[in-house]
Amino acid sequence: MMGEDYEVKAAHVELAERMRKRDAATAPNVGDRVPYVIIKAAKGAKAYERSEDPIYVLENNIPIDPQYYLENQISKPLLRIFEPILKNASRELLHGSHTRSISISTPSNSGIMKFAKKQLSCIGCKALISSNGTSSLYKSEVEGEAMGSSLTRCICNLPIKERMGCMALGLKWLYGRKMGNLQYLNNACDKDRTLCSHCKGREAELYCKTVANVSELEMLFGRLWTQCQECQGSLHQDVLCTSRDCPIFYRRKKAQKDMAEAKLQLDRWNF
């Protein structure tokens, strides 16, 4: 049944039509379930106009409309549960400082972002880095020793599995010191403009945090991947499942995307 066969426009039907126009090979067929999420759009847009494929949303960083889900799917069940035991359930649950922090992603292929020019930002403070680079060089033995002790403290505070990744940074520092070139380590950071001038001296700390973040995401993706392998009955084959009815499928895709982005940040250190 096509979209024009419905008297009332439905979100999943309109989405199926848009997916068919984008790529007929991967579009849902007749009888398939069509999962969708409601995304942010212009004021006054209908719900069926704001429905979108969850994977397409994830791949293109399209922001989901949190207010829609709060008002239509979360608030009413919560109020039914808590109104008998809370005097002002609506005010305590749905209003206040805990509702003011909302994470909204920036779309990568629509609106003004089509004309935006990407720039590198500092890994430490997220400030934009100018084209001529802003990182500074170590110029003295004292600063070199401080770098080594800072690195040692950072590595000792990490779990054992994550210490090995940070050892590469220590070896680079030791090599530069042995060759009489204490600027070697920070020159590597300068080459790709990893840090701004305000984050001078925090290379070891920020590098260890980056390694720890990558390690954590790899472990999460590994657990989800193994869970999918167990579901399909083999731990020795790649995961072939693309079931969009399974919440683990979306978690695995999200973890894979986050892991790839974290590795790009790690590669910026250019060791």
C-alpha atoms as a PDB file:
ATOM      1  CA  MET A   1       0.000   0.000   0.000  1.00  0.00           C
ATOM      2  CA  MET A   2       1.418   3.373  -1.020  1.00  0.00           C
ATOM      3  CA  GLY A   3       1.248   6.673   0.834  1.00  0.00           C
ATOM      4  CA  GLU A   4      -1.528   8.046  -1.375  1.00  0.00           C
ATOM      5  CA  ASP A   5      -3.756   5.072  -0.434  1.00  0.00           C
ATOM      6  CA  TYR A   6      -4.103   6.363   3.141  1.00  0.00           C
ATOM      7  CA  GLU A   7      -6.772   8.939   3.938  1.00  0.00           C
ATOM      8  CA  VAL A   8      -4.739  10.252   6.882  1.00  0.00           C
ATOM      9  CA  LYS A   9      -1.012  10.712   6.488  1.00  0.00           C
ATOM     10  CA  ALA A  10       0.911   8.422   8.835  1.00  0.00           C
ATOM     11  CA  ALA A  11       4.477   9.001  10.011  1.00  0.00           C
ATOM     12  CA  HIS A  12       5.773   5.553   9.047  1.00  0.00           C
ATOM     13  CA  VAL A  13       4.140   5.668   5.599  1.00  0.00           C
ATOM     14  CA  GLU A  14       5.579   9.080   4.749  1.00  0.00           C
ATOM     15  CA  LEU A  15       8.996   7.979   5.978  1.00  0.00           C
ATOM     16  CA  ALA A  16       8.884   4.843   3.824  1.00  0.00           C
ATOM     17  CA  GLU A  17       8.195   7.027   0.785  1.00  0.00           C
ATOM     18  CA  ARG A  18      11.150   9.303   1.582  1.00  0.00           C
ATOM     19  CA  MET A  19      13.431   6.307   2.141  1.00  0.00           C
ATOM     20  CA  ARG A  20      12.341   4.861  -1.208  1.00  0.00           C
ATOM     21  CA  LYS A  21      13.300   8.113  -2.936  1.00  0.00           C
ATOM     22  CA  ARG A  22      16.691   8.195  -1.197  1.00  0.00           C
ATOM     23  CA  ASP A  23      17.600   4.571  -1.867  1.00  0.00           C
ATOM     24  CA  ALA A  24      15.068   2.096  -3.225  1.00  0.00           C
ATOM     25  CA  ALA A  25      17.390  -0.863  -2.524  1.00  0.00           C
ATOM     26  CA  THR A  26      17.374  -0.362   1.256  1.00  0.00           C
ATOM     27  CA  ALA A  27      13.842   1.027   1.596  1.00  0.00           C
ATOM     28  CA  PRO A  28      11.279  -1.046   3.534  1.00  0.00           C
ATOM     29  CA  ASN A  29       9.009  -3.338   1.551  1.00  0.00           C
ATOM     30  CA  VAL A  30       5.271  -3.869   1.884  1.00  0.00           C
ATOM     31  CA  GLY A  31       4.537  -5.511   5.229  1.00  0.00           C
ATOM     32  CA  ASP A  32       7.806  -4.444   6.899  1.00  0.00           C
ATOM     33  CA  ARG A  33       7.813  -2.563  10.169  1.00  0.00           C
ATOM     34  CA  VAL A  34       9.175   0.965   9.778  1.00  0.00           C
ATOM     35  CA  PRO A  35      10.877   2.251  12.937  1.00  0.00           C
ATOM     36  CA  TYR A  36      11.194   6.012  13.175  1.00  0.00           C
ATOM     37  CA  VAL A  37      12.056   8.873  15.502  1.00  0.00           C
ATOM     38  CA  ILE A  38      10.691  12.411  15.605  1.00  0.00           C
ATOM     39  CA  ILE A  39      13.316  15.016  14.748  1.00  0.00           C
ATOM     40  CA  LYS A  40      13.449  18.764  15.304  1.00  0.00           C
ATOM     41  CA  ALA A  41      11.991  20.784  12.441  1.00  0.00           C
ATOM     42  CA  ALA A  42      10.416  24.127  11.664  1.00  0.00           C
ATOM     43  CA  LYS A  43       7.730  25.361  14.032  1.00  0.00           C
ATOM     44  CA  GLY A  44       4.300  24.035  13.103  1.00  0.00           C
ATOM     45  CA  ALA A  45       5.578  21.009  11.173  1.00  0.00           C
ATOM     46  CA  LYS A  46       3.378  17.925  11.412  1.00  0.00           C
ATOM     47  CA  ALA A  47       4.576  14.770  13.147  1.00  0.00           C
ATOM     48  CA  TYR A  48       4.557  12.775   9.901  1.00  0.00           C
ATOM     49  CA  GLU A  49       6.827  15.421   8.353  1.00  0.00           C
ATOM     50  CA  ARG A  50       9.308  15.049  11.206  1.00  0.00           C
ATOM     51  CA  SER A  51       9.570  11.257  11.191  1.00  0.00           C
ATOM     52  CA  GLU A  52      12.975   9.918  10.208  1.00  0.00           C
ATOM     53  CA  ASP A  53      14.913   6.658  10.040  1.00  0.00           C
ATOM     54  CA  PRO A  54      16.952   6.150  13.276  1.00  0.00           C
ATOM     55  CA  ILE A  55      20.057   4.987  11.389  1.00  0.00           C
ATOM     56  CA  TYR A  56      19.881   7.976   9.036  1.00  0.00           C
ATOM     57  CA  VAL A  57      19.556  10.253  12.071  1.00  0.00           C
ATOM     58  CA  LEU A  58      22.574   8.644  13.725  1.00  0.00           C
ATOM     59  CA  GLU A  59      24.794   8.804  10.644  1.00  0.00           C
ATOM     60  CA  ASN A  60      23.983  12.451   9.883  1.00  0.00           C
ATOM     61  CA  ASN A  61      23.802  13.837  13.451  1.00  0.00           C
ATOM     62  CA  ILE A  62      20.214  14.998  13.005  1.00  0.00           C
ATOM     63  CA  PRO A  63      18.831  16.313  16.329  1.00  0.00           C
ATOM     64  CA  ILE A  64      15.873  14.473  17.849  1.00  0.00           C
ATOM     65  CA  ASP A  65      13.018  16.534  19.307  1.00  0.00           C
ATOM     66  CA  PRO A  66      13.241  15.897  23.081  1.00  0.00           C
ATOM     67  CA  GLN A  67      10.181  18.032  23.859  1.00  0.00           C
ATOM     68  CA  TYR A  68       7.968  15.821  21.701  1.00  0.00           C
ATOM     69  CA  TYR A  69       8.972  12.683  23.599  1.00  0.00           C
ATOM     70  CA  LEU A  70       8.753  14.425  26.958  1.00  0.00           C
ATOM     71  CA  GLU A  71       5.211  15.645  26.355  1.00  0.00           C
ATOM     72  CA  ASN A  72       3.775  12.703  24.423  1.00  0.00           C
ATOM     73  CA  GLN A  73       5.518   9.585  25.712  1.00  0.00           C
ATOM     74  CA  ILE A  74       7.210  10.280  29.048  1.00  0.00           C
ATOM     75  CA  SER A  75       5.230  12.836  31.060  1.00  0.00           C
ATOM     76  CA  LYS A  76       1.838  11.095  31.127  1.00  0.00           C
ATOM     77  CA  PRO A  77       3.081   7.667  32.320  1.00  0.00           C
ATOM     78  CA  LEU A  78       5.297   9.340  34.931  1.00  0.00           C
ATOM     79  CA  LEU A  79       2.443  11.459  36.254  1.00  0.00           C
ATOM     80  CA  ARG A  80       0.137   8.434  36.494  1.00  0.00           C
ATOM     81  CA  ILE A  81       2.744   6.682  38.647  1.00  0.00           C
ATOM     82  CA  PHE A  82       3.878   9.551  40.878  1.00  0.00           C
ATOM     83  CA  GLU A  83       0.784  11.739  41.320  1.00  0.00           C
ATOM     84  CA  PRO A  84      -0.598   9.506  44.119  1.00  0.00           C
ATOM     85  CA  ILE A  85       2.632   9.855  46.136  1.00  0.00           C
ATOM     86  CA  LEU A  86       3.930  13.336  45.212  1.00  0.00           C
ATOM     87  CA  LYS A  87       2.037  16.512  46.016  1.00  0.00           C
ATOM     88  CA  ASN A  88       3.297  18.450  42.983  1.00  0.00           C
ATOM     89  CA  ALA A  89       4.450  15.645  40.711  1.00  0.00           C
ATOM     90  CA  SER A  90       4.379  17.697  37.516  1.00  0.00           C
ATOM     91  CA  ARG A  91       6.498  20.506  38.957  1.00  0.00           C
ATOM     92  CA  GLU A  92       9.027  18.211  40.637  1.00  0.00           C
ATOM     93  CA  LEU A  93       9.464  15.795  37.734  1.00  0.00           C
ATOM     94  CA  LEU A  94       8.988  17.875  34.596  1.00  0.00           C
ATOM     95  CA  HIS A  95      10.258  21.298  35.652  1.00  0.00           C
ATOM     96  CA  GLY A  96      13.348  22.593  37.370  1.00  0.00           C
ATOM     97  CA  SER A  97      17.103  22.671  36.882  1.00  0.00           C
ATOM     98  CA  HIS A  98      17.348  18.962  36.026  1.00  0.00           C
ATOM     99  CA  THR A  99      15.345  19.566  32.818  1.00  0.00           C
ATOM    100  CA  ARG A 100      17.428  22.470  31.511  1.00  0.00           C
ATOM    101  CA  SER A 101      20.385  20.488  30.216  1.00  0.00           C
ATOM    102  CA  ILE A 102      19.605  18.972  26.811  1.00  0.00           C
ATOM    103  CA  SER A 103      22.193  17.624  24.387  1.00  0.00           C
ATOM    104  CA  ILE A 104      21.325  18.514  20.781  1.00  0.00           C
ATOM    105  CA  SER A 105      23.587  17.306  17.979  1.00  0.00           C
ATOM    106  CA  THR A 106      24.467  19.498  15.007  1.00  0.00           C
ATOM    107  CA  PRO A 107      23.258  18.110  11.658  1.00  0.00           C
ATOM    108  CA  SER A 108      26.070  17.429   9.216  1.00  0.00           C
ATOM    109  CA  ASN A 109      24.233  17.503   5.892  1.00  0.00           C
ATOM    110  CA  SER A 110      21.364  19.963   6.117  1.00  0.00           C
ATOM    111  CA  GLY A 111      20.571  23.606   6.726  1.00  0.00           C
ATOM    112  CA  ILE A 112      23.390  26.065   7.228  1.00  0.00           C
ATOM    113  CA  MET A 113      25.854  23.231   7.944  1.00  0.00           C
ATOM    114  CA  LYS A 114      26.099  22.644   4.182  1.00  0.00           C
ATOM    115  CA  PHE A 115      28.008  25.933   3.970  1.00  0.00           C
ATOM    116  CA  ALA A 116      29.960  25.616   7.219  1.00  0.00           C
ATOM    117  CA  LYS A 117      33.730  25.275   7.111  1.00  0.00           C
ATOM    118  CA  LYS A 118      35.231  22.844   9.595  1.00  0.00           C
ATOM    119  CA  GLN A 119      38.105  23.993  11.799  1.00  0.00           C
ATOM    120  CA  LEU A 120      40.263  22.152  14.261  1.00  0.00           C
ATOM    121  CA  SER A 121      39.531  22.748  17.925  1.00  0.00           C
ATOM    122  CA  CYS A 122      41.734  22.220  20.945  1.00  0.00           C
ATOM    123  CA  ILE A 123      41.311  18.763  22.456  1.00  0.00           C
ATOM    124  CA  GLY A 124      41.569  20.269  25.926  1.00  0.00           C
ATOM    125  CA  CYS A 125      39.308  23.342  25.985  1.00  0.00           C
ATOM    126  CA  LYS A 126      37.581  23.004  22.555  1.00  0.00           C
ATOM    127  CA  ALA A 127      38.716  26.482  21.505  1.00  0.00           C
ATOM    128  CA  LEU A 128      39.310  26.981  17.787  1.00  0.00           C
ATOM    129  CA  ILE A 129      42.927  26.659  16.711  1.00  0.00           C
ATOM    130  CA  SER A 130      44.255  29.190  14.226  1.00  0.00           C
ATOM    131  CA  SER A 131      45.753  28.071  10.935  1.00  0.00           C
ATOM    132  CA  ASN A 132      49.295  28.921  12.020  1.00  0.00           C
ATOM    133  CA  GLY A 133      49.076  26.665  15.094  1.00  0.00           C
ATOM    134  CA  THR A 134      49.216  27.780  18.698  1.00  0.00           C
ATOM    135  CA  SER A 135      50.943  25.032  20.658  1.00  0.00           C
ATOM    136  CA  SER A 136      54.174  25.967  22.379  1.00  0.00           C
ATOM    137  CA  LEU A 137      57.516  24.138  22.599  1.00  0.00           C
ATOM    138  CA  TYR A 138      59.377  22.856  25.591  1.00  0.00           C
ATOM    139  CA  LYS A 139      62.554  24.867  25.834  1.00  0.00           C
ATOM    140  CA  SER A 140      64.199  23.745  29.038  1.00  0.00           C
ATOM    141  CA  GLU A 141      65.248  20.671  30.974  1.00  0.00           C
ATOM    142  CA  VAL A 142      62.923  21.649  33.837  1.00  0.00           C
ATOM    143  CA  GLU A 143      59.847  21.657  31.590  1.00  0.00           C
ATOM    144  CA  GLY A 144      60.917  18.331  30.115  1.00  0.00           C
ATOM    145  CA  GLU A 145      61.202  16.764  33.569  1.00  0.00           C
ATOM    146  CA  ALA A 146      57.777  18.169  34.501  1.00  0.00           C
ATOM    147  CA  MET A 147      56.305  16.532  31.412  1.00  0.00           C
ATOM    148  CA  GLY A 148      57.776  13.182  32.393  1.00  0.00           C
ATOM    149  CA  SER A 149      56.492  13.302  35.963  1.00  0.00           C
ATOM    150  CA  SER A 150      53.045  14.437  34.790  1.00  0.00           C
ATOM    151  CA  LEU A 151      52.891  11.537  32.347  1.00  0.00           C
ATOM    152  CA  THR A 152      53.899   9.071  35.074  1.00  0.00           C
ATOM    153  CA  ARG A 153      51.128  10.275  37.396  1.00  0.00           C
ATOM    154  CA  CYS A 154      48.518  10.034  34.625  1.00  0.00           C
ATOM    155  CA  ILE A 155      49.529   6.505  33.640  1.00  0.00           C
ATOM    156  CA  CYS A 156      49.519   5.274  37.247  1.00  0.00           C
ATOM    157  CA  ASN A 157      45.921   6.450  37.669  1.00  0.00           C
ATOM    158  CA  LEU A 158      44.684   4.442  34.683  1.00  0.00           C
ATOM    159  CA  PRO A 159      43.486   0.811  34.684  1.00  0.00           C
ATOM    160  CA  ILE A 160      46.103  -1.732  33.642  1.00  0.00           C
ATOM    161  CA  LYS A 161      44.630  -2.300  30.164  1.00  0.00           C
ATOM    162  CA  GLU A 162      44.803   1.403  29.365  1.00  0.00           C
ATOM    163  CA  ARG A 163      48.360   1.957  30.609  1.00  0.00           C
ATOM    164  CA  MET A 164      49.918   0.264  27.589  1.00  0.00           C
ATOM    165  CA  GLY A 165      48.399   2.807  25.210  1.00  0.00           C
ATOM    166  CA  CYS A 166      49.909   5.682  27.161  1.00  0.00           C
ATOM    167  CA  MET A 167      53.358   4.077  27.254  1.00  0.00           C
ATOM    168  CA  ALA A 168      53.887   5.208  23.650  1.00  0.00           C
ATOM    169  CA  LEU A 169      53.816   8.809  24.838  1.00  0.00           C
ATOM    170  CA  GLY A 170      56.401   8.051  27.517  1.00  0.00           C
ATOM    171  CA  LEU A 171      58.696   6.342  25.024  1.00  0.00           C
ATOM    172  CA  LYS A 172      58.520   9.364  22.734  1.00  0.00           C
ATOM    173  CA  TRP A 173      59.495  11.646  25.603  1.00  0.00           C
ATOM    174  CA  LEU A 174      62.374   9.400  26.678  1.00  0.00           C
ATOM    175  CA  TYR A 175      63.637   9.147  23.105  1.00  0.00           C
ATOM    176  CA  GLY A 176      63.573  12.909  22.669  1.00  0.00           C
ATOM    177  CA  ARG A 177      65.387  13.419  25.976  1.00  0.00           C
ATOM    178  CA  LYS A 178      68.049  10.856  25.116  1.00  0.00           C
ATOM    179  CA  MET A 179      68.709  12.524  21.765  1.00  0.00           C
ATOM    180  CA  GLY A 180      69.054  15.897  23.463  1.00  0.00           C
ATOM    181  CA  ASN A 181      65.833  17.144  21.887  1.00  0.00           C
ATOM    182  CA  LEU A 182      63.285  17.951  24.564  1.00  0.00           C
ATOM    183  CA  GLN A 183      61.141  19.680  21.967  1.00  0.00           C
ATOM    184  CA  TYR A 184      60.481  16.402  20.131  1.00  0.00           C
ATOM    185  CA  LEU A 185      57.313  15.488  21.998  1.00  0.00           C
ATOM    186  CA  ASN A 186      55.553  18.803  21.714  1.00  0.00           C
ATOM    187  CA  ASN A 187      56.609  19.228  18.090  1.00  0.00           C
ATOM    188  CA  ALA A 188      54.486  16.166  17.338  1.00  0.00           C
ATOM    189  CA  CYS A 189      51.517  17.946  18.899  1.00  0.00           C
ATOM    190  CA  ASP A 190      52.315  21.120  16.951  1.00  0.00           C
ATOM    191  CA  LYS A 191      52.358  19.301  13.654  1.00  0.00           C
ATOM    192  CA  ASP A 192      48.632  18.627  13.695  1.00  0.00           C
ATOM    193  CA  ARG A 193      47.760  21.580  15.946  1.00  0.00           C
ATOM    194  CA  THR A 194      46.347  19.368  18.674  1.00  0.00           C
ATOM    195  CA  LEU A 195      46.303  21.859  21.558  1.00  0.00           C
ATOM    196  CA  CYS A 196      45.948  25.599  21.979  1.00  0.00           C
ATOM    197  CA  SER A 197      48.442  27.768  23.846  1.00  0.00           C
ATOM    198  CA  HIS A 198      46.246  27.833  26.978  1.00  0.00           C
ATOM    199  CA  CYS A 199      46.489  24.045  27.334  1.00  0.00           C
ATOM    200  CA  LYS A 200      50.296  24.104  27.330  1.00  0.00           C
ATOM    201  CA  GLY A 201      51.706  21.586  29.776  1.00  0.00           C
ATOM    202  CA  ARG A 202      48.603  19.349  29.823  1.00  0.00           C
ATOM    203  CA  GLU A 203      49.681  17.074  26.968  1.00  0.00           C
ATOM    204  CA  ALA A 204      50.163  13.996  29.160  1.00  0.00           C
ATOM    205  CA  GLU A 205      46.854  14.449  30.983  1.00  0.00           C
ATOM    206  CA  LEU A 206      44.820  15.037  27.823  1.00  0.00           C
ATOM    207  CA  TYR A 207      46.516  12.244  25.899  1.00  0.00           C
ATOM    208  CA  CYS A 208      45.782   9.767  28.695  1.00  0.00           C
ATOM    209  CA  LYS A 209      42.150  10.893  28.789  1.00  0.00           C
ATOM    210  CA  THR A 210      41.871  10.380  25.035  1.00  0.00           C
ATOM    211  CA  VAL A 211      43.360   6.890  25.275  1.00  0.00           C
ATOM    212  CA  ALA A 212      41.053   6.028  28.187  1.00  0.00           C
ATOM    213  CA  ASN A 213      38.002   7.231  26.237  1.00  0.00           C
ATOM    214  CA  VAL A 214      38.927   5.128  23.197  1.00  0.00           C
ATOM    215  CA  SER A 215      39.544   2.089  25.405  1.00  0.00           C
ATOM    216  CA  GLU A 216      36.177   2.480  27.142  1.00  0.00           C
ATOM    217  CA  LEU A 217      34.302   2.765  23.839  1.00  0.00           C
ATOM    218  CA  GLU A 218      36.154  -0.229  22.393  1.00  0.00           C
ATOM    219  CA  MET A 219      35.130  -2.316  25.406  1.00  0.00           C
ATOM    220  CA  LEU A 220      31.494  -1.201  25.054  1.00  0.00           C
ATOM    221  CA  PHE A 221      31.431  -1.988  21.341  1.00  0.00           C
ATOM    222  CA  GLY A 222      33.128  -5.342  21.998  1.00  0.00           C
ATOM    223  CA  ARG A 223      30.483  -6.326  24.559  1.00  0.00           C
ATOM    224  CA  LEU A 224      27.639  -5.383  22.213  1.00  0.00           C
ATOM    225  CA  TRP A 225      29.319  -7.160  19.286  1.00  0.00           C
ATOM    226  CA  THR A 226      29.748 -10.323  21.369  1.00  0.00           C
ATOM    227  CA  GLN A 227      26.131 -10.140  22.491  1.00  0.00           C
ATOM    228  CA  CYS A 228      25.025 -10.010  18.850  1.00  0.00           C
ATOM    229  CA  GLN A 229      27.318 -12.941  18.003  1.00  0.00           C
ATOM    230  CA  GLU A 230      25.794 -14.994  20.818  1.00  0.00           C
ATOM    231  CA  CYS A 231      22.325 -14.100  19.554  1.00  0.00           C
ATOM    232  CA  GLN A 232      23.112 -15.381  16.052  1.00  0.00           C
ATOM    233  CA  GLY A 233      24.698 -18.544  17.488  1.00  0.00           C
ATOM    234  CA  SER A 234      28.375 -18.161  16.578  1.00  0.00           C
ATOM    235  CA  LEU A 235      31.309 -16.360  18.188  1.00  0.00           C
ATOM    236  CA  HIS A 236      33.549 -16.939  15.159  1.00  0.00           C
ATOM    237  CA  GLN A 237      31.615 -15.087  12.456  1.00  0.00           C
ATOM    238  CA  ASP A 238      30.942 -11.439  11.748  1.00  0.00           C
ATOM    239  CA  VAL A 239      27.611 -10.061  12.897  1.00  0.00           C
ATOM    240  CA  LEU A 240      25.169 -10.119   9.994  1.00  0.00           C
ATOM    241  CA  CYS A 241      22.079  -9.051  11.921  1.00  0.00           C
ATOM    242  CA  THR A 242      20.366  -5.848  10.776  1.00  0.00           C
ATOM    243  CA  SER A 243      17.172  -6.264  12.788  1.00  0.00           C
ATOM    244  CA  ARG A 244      15.809  -2.791  13.422  1.00  0.00           C
ATOM    245  CA  ASP A 245      13.418  -4.170  16.014  1.00  0.00           C
ATOM    246  CA  CYS A 246      16.326  -4.935  18.345  1.00  0.00           C
ATOM    247  CA  PRO A 247      17.558  -2.188  20.707  1.00  0.00           C
ATOM    248  CA  ILE A 248      21.033  -3.777  20.779  1.00  0.00           C
ATOM    249  CA  PHE A 249      21.348  -3.131  17.040  1.00  0.00           C
ATOM    250  CA  TYR A 250      21.019   0.628  17.569  1.00  0.00           C
ATOM    251  CA  ARG A 251      23.299   0.602  20.610  1.00  0.00           C
ATOM    252  CA  ARG A 252      25.948  -1.249  18.602  1.00  0.00           C
ATOM    253  CA  LYS A 253      25.703   1.243  15.727  1.00  0.00           C
ATOM    254  CA  LYS A 254      25.945   4.185  18.138  1.00  0.00           C
ATOM    255  CA  ALA A 255      28.931   2.659  19.944  1.00  0.00           C
ATOM    256  CA  GLN A 256      30.656   1.992  16.613  1.00  0.00           C
ATOM    257  CA  LYS A 257      30.177   5.611  15.519  1.00  0.00           C
ATOM    258  CA  ASP A 258      31.370   7.012  18.864  1.00  0.00           C
ATOM    259  CA  MET A 259      34.422   4.733  18.773  1.00  0.00           C
ATOM    260  CA  ALA A 260      35.361   5.895  15.263  1.00  0.00           C
ATOM    261  CA  GLU A 261      35.085   9.556  16.296  1.00  0.00           C
ATOM    262  CA  ALA A 262      37.179   8.948  19.420  1.00  0.00           C
ATOM    263  CA  LYS A 263      39.893   7.260  17.339  1.00  0.00           C
ATOM    264  CA  LEU A 264      40.015  10.291  15.058  1.00  0.00           C
ATOM    265  CA  GLN A 265      40.712  12.422  18.117  1.00  0.00           C
ATOM    266  CA  LEU A 266      43.451  10.008  19.172  1.00  0.00           C
ATOM    267  CA  ASP A 267      45.017  10.115  15.698  1.00  0.00           C
ATOM    268  CA  ARG A 268      45.372  13.889  15.977  1.00  0.00           C
ATOM    269  CA  TRP A 269      48.237  13.398  18.422  1.00  0.00           C
ATOM    270  CA  ASN A 270      50.278  12.097  15.466  1.00  0.00           C
ATOM    271  CA  PHE A 271      52.777   9.968  17.379  1.00  0.00           C
END
